[in-house]
Amino acid sequence: MSRLRLTCLYGGVFMMAGTVLLAVVHLLAVQAVDRGNDPVFEVQAGTPVVLAPAAPAAPPAPAAPRQQPGDPLMSSALLGLAALGPLSVIAGYVTAGYALSSVRRITCTAQQALRQPG
Protein backbone atom coordinates (compact mmCIF):
# COMPACT_ATOMS: atom_id res chain seq x y z
CA MET A 1 0.00 0.00 0.00
CA SER A 2 2.84 2.39 0.77
CA ARG A 3 4.35 1.82 -2.68
CA LEU A 4 1.04 2.82 -4.28
CA ARG A 5 0.92 6.04 -2.26
CA LEU A 6 4.54 6.86 -3.04
CA THR A 7 3.93 6.07 -6.71
CA CYS A 8 1.05 8.57 -6.75
CA LEU A 9 3.14 11.17 -4.95
CA TYR A 10 6.23 10.83 -7.14
CA GLY A 11 4.16 10.39 -10.31
CA GLY A 12 2.30 13.59 -9.49
CA VAL A 13 5.56 15.45 -8.98
CA PHE A 14 6.91 14.18 -12.32
CA MET A 15 3.62 15.07 -14.04
CA MET A 16 3.62 18.62 -12.66
CA ALA A 17 7.27 19.18 -13.58
CA GLY A 18 6.70 17.82 -17.09
CA THR A 19 3.56 19.91 -17.54
CA VAL A 20 5.37 23.08 -16.48
CA LEU A 21 8.23 22.26 -18.85
CA LEU A 22 5.85 21.62 -21.74
CA ALA A 23 3.92 24.82 -21.00
CA VAL A 24 7.08 26.94 -20.97
CA VAL A 25 8.32 25.41 -24.23
CA HIS A 26 4.89 25.87 -25.81
CA LEU A 27 4.67 29.52 -24.75
CA LEU A 28 8.17 30.21 -26.08
CA ALA A 29 7.29 28.53 -29.38
CA VAL A 30 4.08 30.55 -29.71
CA GLN A 31 6.00 33.73 -28.98
CA ALA A 32 8.63 32.83 -31.58
CA VAL A 33 5.92 32.10 -34.17
CA ASP A 34 4.18 35.40 -33.42
CA ARG A 35 7.40 37.41 -33.59
CA GLY A 36 8.69 35.75 -36.76
CA ASN A 37 11.97 37.08 -38.11
CA ASP A 38 11.74 40.50 -36.46
CA PRO A 39 15.16 41.50 -35.14
CA VAL A 40 15.55 41.53 -31.39
CA PHE A 41 18.19 44.27 -31.62
CA GLU A 42 20.00 46.09 -34.40
CA VAL A 43 23.73 46.81 -34.57
CA GLN A 44 25.01 49.46 -37.01
CA ALA A 45 28.64 50.33 -37.68
CA GLY A 46 29.79 53.55 -36.03
CA THR A 47 26.72 53.95 -33.81
CA PRO A 48 26.01 52.77 -30.29
CA VAL A 49 24.27 49.44 -29.85
CA VAL A 50 20.51 49.86 -29.73
CA LEU A 51 18.83 47.20 -27.62
CA ALA A 52 15.34 47.71 -28.98
CA PRO A 53 13.39 46.42 -31.95
CA ALA A 54 14.33 48.10 -35.21
CA ALA A 55 11.99 50.89 -36.29
CA PRO A 56 9.79 49.66 -39.12
CA ALA A 57 10.14 51.50 -42.44
CA ALA A 58 6.55 50.78 -43.43
CA PRO A 59 3.47 50.66 -41.26
CA PRO A 60 3.20 47.30 -39.55
CA ALA A 61 1.11 44.67 -41.27
CA PRO A 62 -1.98 43.52 -39.45
CA ALA A 63 -1.22 40.73 -37.02
CA ALA A 64 -1.93 37.21 -38.13
CA PRO A 65 -4.94 35.66 -36.47
CA ARG A 66 -4.21 33.98 -33.18
CA GLN A 67 -3.56 30.26 -33.39
CA GLN A 68 -6.59 28.10 -32.95
CA PRO A 69 -6.63 24.99 -30.72
CA GLY A 70 -6.56 22.79 -33.83
CA ASP A 71 -3.14 24.09 -34.86
CA PRO A 72 -0.28 21.58 -35.11
CA LEU A 73 1.66 23.31 -32.32
CA MET A 74 -1.19 22.88 -29.85
CA SER A 75 -1.94 19.31 -30.92
CA SER A 76 1.72 18.32 -30.53
CA ALA A 77 1.76 19.86 -27.04
CA LEU A 78 -1.38 17.90 -26.11
CA LEU A 79 0.15 14.72 -27.53
CA GLY A 80 3.25 15.30 -25.42
CA LEU A 81 1.07 15.85 -22.36
CA ALA A 82 -0.82 12.61 -23.07
CA ALA A 83 2.46 10.72 -23.33
CA LEU A 84 3.68 12.36 -20.13
CA GLY A 85 0.94 10.71 -18.03
CA PRO A 86 2.01 7.06 -18.37
CA LEU A 87 5.68 8.05 -18.25
CA SER A 88 5.07 9.88 -14.97
CA VAL A 89 3.38 6.81 -13.49
CA ILE A 90 6.29 4.59 -14.55
CA ALA A 91 8.86 7.04 -13.19
CA GLY A 92 6.89 7.32 -9.93
CA TYR A 93 6.71 3.53 -9.58
CA VAL A 94 10.46 3.15 -10.12
CA THR A 95 11.27 6.01 -7.74
CA ALA A 96 8.95 4.60 -5.07
CA GLY A 97 10.66 1.21 -5.37
CA TYR A 98 14.04 2.86 -4.99
CA ALA A 99 12.87 4.84 -1.96
CA LEU A 100 11.38 1.74 -0.31
CA SER A 101 14.33 -0.57 -1.01
CA SER A 102 16.29 0.69 2.01
CA VAL A 103 13.20 0.32 4.23
CA ARG A 104 12.81 -3.29 3.05
CA ARG A 105 16.48 -4.01 3.73
CA ILE A 106 16.25 -2.56 7.25
CA THR A 107 13.06 -4.54 7.93
CA CYS A 108 14.64 -7.82 6.79
CA THR A 109 17.72 -7.19 8.92
CA ALA A 110 15.57 -6.43 11.97
CA GLN A 111 13.44 -9.55 11.44
CA GLN A 112 16.55 -11.72 11.13
CA ALA A 113 17.96 -10.20 14.31
CA LEU A 114 14.75 -10.98 16.19
CA ARG A 115 14.75 -14.63 15.00
CA GLN A 116 18.26 -15.39 16.17
CA PRO A 117 18.50 -16.71 19.71
CA GLY A 118 20.41 -14.95 22.40
C-alpha atoms as a PDB file:
ATOM      1  CA  MET A   1       0.000   0.000   0.000  1.00  0.00           C
ATOM      2  CA  SER A   2       2.837   2.389   0.773  1.00  0.00           C
ATOM      3  CA  ARG A   3       4.355   1.818  -2.677  1.00  0.00           C
ATOM      4  CA  LEU A   4       1.041   2.818  -4.276  1.00  0.00           C
ATOM      5  CA  ARG A   5       0.925   6.037  -2.258  1.00  0.00           C
ATOM      6  CA  LEU A   6       4.536   6.863  -3.040  1.00  0.00           C
ATOM      7  CA  THR A   7       3.926   6.066  -6.706  1.00  0.00           C
ATOM      8  CA  CYS A   8       1.051   8.571  -6.751  1.00  0.00           C
ATOM      9  CA  LEU A   9       3.142  11.174  -4.950  1.00  0.00           C
ATOM     10  CA  TYR A  10       6.226  10.830  -7.145  1.00  0.00           C
ATOM     11  CA  GLY A  11       4.162  10.386 -10.308  1.00  0.00           C
ATOM     12  CA  GLY A  12       2.296  13.593  -9.494  1.00  0.00           C
ATOM     13  CA  VAL A  13       5.559  15.448  -8.983  1.00  0.00           C
ATOM     14  CA  PHE A  14       6.907  14.176 -12.316  1.00  0.00           C
ATOM     15  CA  MET A  15       3.622  15.066 -14.037  1.00  0.00           C
ATOM     16  CA  MET A  16       3.622  18.618 -12.657  1.00  0.00           C
ATOM     17  CA  ALA A  17       7.267  19.181 -13.579  1.00  0.00           C
ATOM     18  CA  GLY A  18       6.699  17.825 -17.091  1.00  0.00           C
ATOM     19  CA  THR A  19       3.561  19.907 -17.539  1.00  0.00           C
ATOM     20  CA  VAL A  20       5.371  23.084 -16.485  1.00  0.00           C
ATOM     21  CA  LEU A  21       8.233  22.261 -18.847  1.00  0.00           C
ATOM     22  CA  LEU A  22       5.845  21.619 -21.741  1.00  0.00           C
ATOM     23  CA  ALA A  23       3.918  24.822 -21.001  1.00  0.00           C
ATOM     24  CA  VAL A  24       7.079  26.936 -20.970  1.00  0.00           C
ATOM     25  CA  VAL A  25       8.324  25.410 -24.228  1.00  0.00           C
ATOM     26  CA  HIS A  26       4.886  25.875 -25.814  1.00  0.00           C
ATOM     27  CA  LEU A  27       4.673  29.524 -24.754  1.00  0.00           C
ATOM     28  CA  LEU A  28       8.170  30.207 -26.076  1.00  0.00           C
ATOM     29  CA  ALA A  29       7.293  28.529 -29.378  1.00  0.00           C
ATOM     30  CA  VAL A  30       4.075  30.552 -29.712  1.00  0.00           C
ATOM     31  CA  GLN A  31       5.996  33.735 -28.976  1.00  0.00           C
ATOM     32  CA  ALA A  32       8.632  32.830 -31.576  1.00  0.00           C
ATOM     33  CA  VAL A  33       5.922  32.104 -34.172  1.00  0.00           C
ATOM     34  CA  ASP A  34       4.182  35.403 -33.416  1.00  0.00           C
ATOM     35  CA  ARG A  35       7.397  37.406 -33.592  1.00  0.00           C
ATOM     36  CA  GLY A  36       8.691  35.751 -36.759  1.00  0.00           C
ATOM     37  CA  ASN A  37      11.974  37.084 -38.110  1.00  0.00           C
ATOM     38  CA  ASP A  38      11.743  40.498 -36.456  1.00  0.00           C
ATOM     39  CA  PRO A  39      15.162  41.499 -35.139  1.00  0.00           C
ATOM     40  CA  VAL A  40      15.554  41.534 -31.393  1.00  0.00           C
ATOM     41  CA  PHE A  41      18.187  44.269 -31.623  1.00  0.00           C
ATOM     42  CA  GLU A  42      19.999  46.086 -34.404  1.00  0.00           C
ATOM     43  CA  VAL A  43      23.731  46.812 -34.570  1.00  0.00           C
ATOM     44  CA  GLN A  44      25.010  49.463 -37.010  1.00  0.00           C
ATOM     45  CA  ALA A  45      28.644  50.333 -37.675  1.00  0.00           C
ATOM     46  CA  GLY A  46      29.786  53.552 -36.031  1.00  0.00           C
ATOM     47  CA  THR A  47      26.723  53.948 -33.814  1.00  0.00           C
ATOM     48  CA  PRO A  48      26.014  52.770 -30.292  1.00  0.00           C
ATOM     49  CA  VAL A  49      24.272  49.441 -29.853  1.00  0.00           C
ATOM     50  CA  VAL A  50      20.505  49.863 -29.732  1.00  0.00           C
ATOM     51  CA  LEU A  51      18.828  47.199 -27.620  1.00  0.00           C
ATOM     52  CA  ALA A  52      15.344  47.707 -28.977  1.00  0.00           C
ATOM     53  CA  PRO A  53      13.387  46.417 -31.946  1.00  0.00           C
ATOM     54  CA  ALA A  54      14.328  48.104 -35.208  1.00  0.00           C
ATOM     55  CA  ALA A  55      11.993  50.893 -36.286  1.00  0.00           C
ATOM     56  CA  PRO A  56       9.787  49.661 -39.125  1.00  0.00           C
ATOM     57  CA  ALA A  57      10.144  51.503 -42.437  1.00  0.00           C
ATOM     58  CA  ALA A  58       6.554  50.779 -43.426  1.00  0.00           C
ATOM     59  CA  PRO A  59       3.468  50.658 -41.255  1.00  0.00           C
ATOM     60  CA  PRO A  60       3.200  47.301 -39.554  1.00  0.00           C
ATOM     61  CA  ALA A  61       1.114  44.672 -41.274  1.00  0.00           C
ATOM     62  CA  PRO A  62      -1.978  43.519 -39.451  1.00  0.00           C
ATOM     63  CA  ALA A  63      -1.217  40.732 -37.023  1.00  0.00           C
ATOM     64  CA  ALA A  64      -1.925  37.212 -38.131  1.00  0.00           C
ATOM     65  CA  PRO A  65      -4.943  35.660 -36.472  1.00  0.00           C
ATOM     66  CA  ARG A  66      -4.211  33.981 -33.177  1.00  0.00           C
ATOM     67  CA  GLN A  67      -3.555  30.263 -33.386  1.00  0.00           C
ATOM     68  CA  GLN A  68      -6.594  28.104 -32.951  1.00  0.00           C
ATOM     69  CA  PRO A  69      -6.625  24.992 -30.725  1.00  0.00           C
ATOM     70  CA  GLY A  70      -6.565  22.794 -33.832  1.00  0.00           C
ATOM     71  CA  ASP A  71      -3.137  24.088 -34.858  1.00  0.00           C
ATOM     72  CA  PRO A  72      -0.277  21.580 -35.109  1.00  0.00           C
ATOM     73  CA  LEU A  73       1.659  23.307 -32.319  1.00  0.00           C
ATOM     74  CA  MET A  74      -1.190  22.877 -29.849  1.00  0.00           C
ATOM     75  CA  SER A  75      -1.937  19.309 -30.916  1.00  0.00           C
ATOM     76  CA  SER A  76       1.718  18.321 -30.526  1.00  0.00           C
ATOM     77  CA  ALA A  77       1.763  19.856 -27.041  1.00  0.00           C
ATOM     78  CA  LEU A  78      -1.376  17.899 -26.113  1.00  0.00           C
ATOM     79  CA  LEU A  79       0.146  14.724 -27.526  1.00  0.00           C
ATOM     80  CA  GLY A  80       3.246  15.303 -25.422  1.00  0.00           C
ATOM     81  CA  LEU A  81       1.069  15.849 -22.363  1.00  0.00           C
ATOM     82  CA  ALA A  82      -0.821  12.614 -23.072  1.00  0.00           C
ATOM     83  CA  ALA A  83       2.464  10.718 -23.326  1.00  0.00           C
ATOM     84  CA  LEU A  84       3.685  12.356 -20.129  1.00  0.00           C
ATOM     85  CA  GLY A  85       0.939  10.713 -18.026  1.00  0.00           C
ATOM     86  CA  PRO A  86       2.011   7.065 -18.368  1.00  0.00           C
ATOM     87  CA  LEU A  87       5.685   8.051 -18.253  1.00  0.00           C
ATOM     88  CA  SER A  88       5.069   9.877 -14.969  1.00  0.00           C
ATOM     89  CA  VAL A  89       3.384   6.814 -13.485  1.00  0.00           C
ATOM     90  CA  ILE A  90       6.285   4.588 -14.547  1.00  0.00           C
ATOM     91  CA  ALA A  91       8.858   7.041 -13.190  1.00  0.00           C
ATOM     92  CA  GLY A  92       6.892   7.322  -9.933  1.00  0.00           C
ATOM     93  CA  TYR A  93       6.709   3.532  -9.578  1.00  0.00           C
ATOM     94  CA  VAL A  94      10.456   3.148 -10.115  1.00  0.00           C
ATOM     95  CA  THR A  95      11.269   6.013  -7.743  1.00  0.00           C
ATOM     96  CA  ALA A  96       8.950   4.605  -5.070  1.00  0.00           C
ATOM     97  CA  GLY A  97      10.655   1.214  -5.367  1.00  0.00           C
ATOM     98  CA  TYR A  98      14.040   2.857  -4.994  1.00  0.00           C
ATOM     99  CA  ALA A  99      12.870   4.836  -1.955  1.00  0.00           C
ATOM    100  CA  LEU A 100      11.377   1.744  -0.311  1.00  0.00           C
ATOM    101  CA  SER A 101      14.330  -0.567  -1.009  1.00  0.00           C
ATOM    102  CA  SER A 102      16.285   0.690   2.006  1.00  0.00           C
ATOM    103  CA  VAL A 103      13.204   0.324   4.229  1.00  0.00           C
ATOM    104  CA  ARG A 104      12.810  -3.288   3.052  1.00  0.00           C
ATOM    105  CA  ARG A 105      16.481  -4.011   3.728  1.00  0.00           C
ATOM    106  CA  ILE A 106      16.254  -2.558   7.250  1.00  0.00           C
ATOM    107  CA  THR A 107      13.064  -4.539   7.929  1.00  0.00           C
ATOM    108  CA  CYS A 108      14.644  -7.823   6.790  1.00  0.00           C
ATOM    109  CA  THR A 109      17.724  -7.190   8.921  1.00  0.00           C
ATOM    110  CA  ALA A 110      15.566  -6.434  11.966  1.00  0.00           C
ATOM    111  CA  GLN A 111      13.444  -9.552  11.442  1.00  0.00           C
ATOM    112  CA  GLN A 112      16.551 -11.725  11.127  1.00  0.00           C
ATOM    113  CA  ALA A 113      17.965 -10.201  14.310  1.00  0.00           C
ATOM    114  CA  LEU A 114      14.746 -10.981  16.188  1.00  0.00           C
ATOM    115  CA  ARG A 115      14.748 -14.626  15.005  1.00  0.00           C
ATOM    116  CA  GLN A 116      18.262 -15.388  16.167  1.00  0.00           C
ATOM    117  CA  PRO A 117      18.501 -16.713  19.709  1.00  0.00           C
ATOM    118  CA  GLY A 118      20.413 -14.951  22.402  1.00  0.00           C
END
